[in-house]
Amino acid sequence: MDTPEPVTGDYPSAPRLPLLTAEEARAAVRHLFLLEQLDLSPRGAAAGQLASELARRLPAE
């Protein structure tokens, strides 16, 4: 059995965006819930479902 070559790579030189703050995440959830109310298509329903899933993962204020 052959040993695989070691994995090598570089880290990207461009700066990475920071993670969302809790307040930014709550704002995104509010916008998704609003989209659910305004868009009665399946896309709006999907936005509401995503908002619900994200809201459950956020810490309480």
N, C-alpha and C. Protein backbone atom coordinates (compact mmCIF):
# COMPACT_ATOMS: atom_id res chain seq x y z
N MET A 1 0.85 -1.17 0.00
CA MET A 1 0.00 0.00 0.00
C MET A 1 0.89 1.23 0.00
N ASP A 2 0.66 2.13 -0.95
CA ASP A 2 1.47 3.33 -1.06
C ASP A 2 1.01 4.39 -0.07
N THR A 3 1.98 5.14 0.44
CA THR A 3 1.68 6.25 1.33
C THR A 3 1.36 7.48 0.49
N PRO A 4 0.23 8.15 0.77
CA PRO A 4 -0.09 9.33 -0.04
C PRO A 4 0.88 10.47 0.24
N GLU A 5 1.02 11.32 -0.73
CA GLU A 5 1.88 12.49 -0.58
C GLU A 5 1.29 13.43 0.47
N PRO A 6 2.14 14.12 1.23
CA PRO A 6 1.60 15.06 2.22
C PRO A 6 0.88 16.21 1.51
N VAL A 7 -0.14 16.70 2.18
CA VAL A 7 -0.91 17.82 1.63
C VAL A 7 -0.17 19.11 1.95
N THR A 8 0.07 19.90 0.93
CA THR A 8 0.72 21.19 1.13
C THR A 8 -0.17 22.27 0.53
N GLY A 9 -0.03 23.47 1.02
CA GLY A 9 -0.83 24.57 0.48
C GLY A 9 -0.45 25.87 1.14
N ASP A 10 -1.05 26.92 0.65
CA ASP A 10 -0.80 28.24 1.19
C ASP A 10 -2.10 28.78 1.79
N TYR A 11 -1.93 29.69 2.71
CA TYR A 11 -3.08 30.43 3.19
C TYR A 11 -3.28 31.61 2.26
N PRO A 12 -4.53 31.99 2.02
CA PRO A 12 -4.74 33.13 1.12
C PRO A 12 -4.15 34.40 1.70
N SER A 13 -3.61 35.23 0.83
CA SER A 13 -2.99 36.46 1.31
C SER A 13 -4.02 37.57 1.54
N ALA A 14 -5.17 37.47 0.88
CA ALA A 14 -6.20 38.49 1.06
C ALA A 14 -6.82 38.35 2.45
N PRO A 15 -7.14 39.47 3.09
CA PRO A 15 -7.76 39.38 4.41
C PRO A 15 -9.14 38.73 4.33
N ARG A 16 -9.46 37.97 5.33
CA ARG A 16 -10.75 37.30 5.37
C ARG A 16 -11.75 38.16 6.12
N LEU A 17 -13.00 38.05 5.74
CA LEU A 17 -14.03 38.80 6.42
C LEU A 17 -14.27 38.21 7.81
N PRO A 18 -14.56 39.06 8.81
CA PRO A 18 -14.82 38.55 10.15
C PRO A 18 -16.18 37.86 10.21
N LEU A 19 -16.38 37.07 11.23
CA LEU A 19 -17.67 36.43 11.45
C LEU A 19 -18.71 37.49 11.78
N LEU A 20 -19.95 37.16 11.59
CA LEU A 20 -21.02 38.08 11.96
C LEU A 20 -21.10 38.23 13.47
N THR A 21 -21.45 39.43 13.89
CA THR A 21 -21.74 39.62 15.31
C THR A 21 -23.14 39.09 15.56
N ALA A 22 -23.49 38.89 16.83
CA ALA A 22 -24.83 38.40 17.17
C ALA A 22 -25.89 39.39 16.69
N GLU A 23 -25.62 40.68 16.83
CA GLU A 23 -26.60 41.68 16.39
C GLU A 23 -26.78 41.66 14.87
N GLU A 24 -25.70 41.47 14.13
CA GLU A 24 -25.80 41.37 12.67
C GLU A 24 -26.59 40.12 12.27
N ALA A 25 -26.37 39.03 12.98
CA ALA A 25 -27.10 37.80 12.68
C ALA A 25 -28.59 37.97 12.98
N ARG A 26 -28.92 38.65 14.08
CA ARG A 26 -30.33 38.90 14.41
C ARG A 26 -30.99 39.78 13.34
N ALA A 27 -30.25 40.77 12.85
CA ALA A 27 -30.79 41.63 11.79
C ALA A 27 -31.04 40.81 10.52
N ALA A 28 -30.14 39.91 10.19
CA ALA A 28 -30.32 39.06 9.02
C ALA A 28 -31.57 38.18 9.18
N VAL A 29 -31.78 37.66 10.38
CA VAL A 29 -32.96 36.83 10.64
C VAL A 29 -34.23 37.68 10.48
N ARG A 30 -34.21 38.91 11.00
CA ARG A 30 -35.38 39.78 10.85
C ARG A 30 -35.67 40.05 9.38
N HIS A 31 -34.63 40.28 8.59
CA HIS A 31 -34.83 40.52 7.17
C HIS A 31 -35.38 39.28 6.45
N LEU A 32 -34.91 38.11 6.85
CA LEU A 32 -35.43 36.88 6.24
C LEU A 32 -36.89 36.67 6.59
N PHE A 33 -37.29 36.96 7.84
CA PHE A 33 -38.69 36.84 8.22
C PHE A 33 -39.54 37.84 7.44
N LEU A 34 -39.02 39.05 7.23
CA LEU A 34 -39.74 40.05 6.44
C LEU A 34 -39.89 39.58 5.00
N LEU A 35 -38.84 39.02 4.44
CA LEU A 35 -38.91 38.48 3.09
C LEU A 35 -39.98 37.39 2.99
N GLU A 36 -40.09 36.56 4.03
CA GLU A 36 -41.11 35.51 4.03
C GLU A 36 -42.51 36.13 3.94
N GLN A 37 -42.73 37.23 4.66
CA GLN A 37 -44.05 37.86 4.64
C GLN A 37 -44.34 38.54 3.31
N LEU A 38 -43.33 39.11 2.68
CA LEU A 38 -43.53 39.87 1.45
C LEU A 38 -43.55 39.00 0.19
N ASP A 39 -42.87 37.88 0.22
CA ASP A 39 -42.76 37.00 -0.94
C ASP A 39 -43.56 35.74 -0.66
N LEU A 40 -44.71 35.61 -1.31
CA LEU A 40 -45.59 34.47 -1.06
C LEU A 40 -45.25 33.26 -1.91
N SER A 41 -44.13 33.32 -2.61
CA SER A 41 -43.70 32.20 -3.44
C SER A 41 -42.94 31.19 -2.56
N PRO A 42 -42.57 30.06 -3.13
CA PRO A 42 -41.76 29.09 -2.37
C PRO A 42 -40.44 29.69 -1.87
N ARG A 43 -39.92 30.68 -2.57
CA ARG A 43 -38.69 31.33 -2.13
C ARG A 43 -38.90 32.05 -0.79
N GLY A 44 -40.06 32.70 -0.63
CA GLY A 44 -40.37 33.35 0.63
C GLY A 44 -40.52 32.34 1.76
N ALA A 45 -41.15 31.23 1.46
CA ALA A 45 -41.28 30.17 2.47
C ALA A 45 -39.92 29.63 2.87
N ALA A 46 -39.03 29.49 1.90
CA ALA A 46 -37.67 29.01 2.20
C ALA A 46 -36.92 30.03 3.06
N ALA A 47 -37.14 31.32 2.80
CA ALA A 47 -36.50 32.35 3.62
C ALA A 47 -36.98 32.25 5.06
N GLY A 48 -38.27 32.00 5.24
CA GLY A 48 -38.81 31.85 6.59
C GLY A 48 -38.25 30.63 7.30
N GLN A 49 -38.11 29.54 6.57
CA GLN A 49 -37.55 28.33 7.16
C GLN A 49 -36.09 28.56 7.56
N LEU A 50 -35.33 29.21 6.71
CA LEU A 50 -33.94 29.51 7.03
C LEU A 50 -33.87 30.44 8.24
N ALA A 51 -34.74 31.44 8.28
CA ALA A 51 -34.76 32.35 9.42
C ALA A 51 -35.04 31.60 10.72
N SER A 52 -35.98 30.67 10.69
CA SER A 52 -36.30 29.88 11.89
C SER A 52 -35.10 29.05 12.35
N GLU A 53 -34.44 28.42 11.38
CA GLU A 53 -33.28 27.59 11.74
C GLU A 53 -32.15 28.43 12.31
N LEU A 54 -31.91 29.59 11.71
CA LEU A 54 -30.84 30.47 12.21
C LEU A 54 -31.19 31.04 13.56
N ALA A 55 -32.45 31.41 13.76
CA ALA A 55 -32.88 32.00 15.03
C ALA A 55 -32.67 31.02 16.18
N ARG A 56 -32.88 29.74 15.94
CA ARG A 56 -32.67 28.73 17.00
C ARG A 56 -31.20 28.62 17.39
N ARG A 57 -30.30 28.99 16.49
CA ARG A 57 -28.87 28.87 16.77
C ARG A 57 -28.28 30.09 17.43
N LEU A 58 -29.05 31.19 17.48
CA LEU A 58 -28.54 32.42 18.09
C LEU A 58 -28.71 32.39 19.59
N PRO A 59 -27.76 32.95 20.33
CA PRO A 59 -27.93 33.04 21.77
C PRO A 59 -29.03 34.03 22.12
N ALA A 60 -29.67 33.82 23.26
CA ALA A 60 -30.71 34.74 23.72
C ALA A 60 -30.07 36.08 24.05
N GLU A 61 -30.83 37.14 23.85
CA GLU A 61 -30.27 38.48 24.09
C GLU A 61 -30.01 38.73 25.53
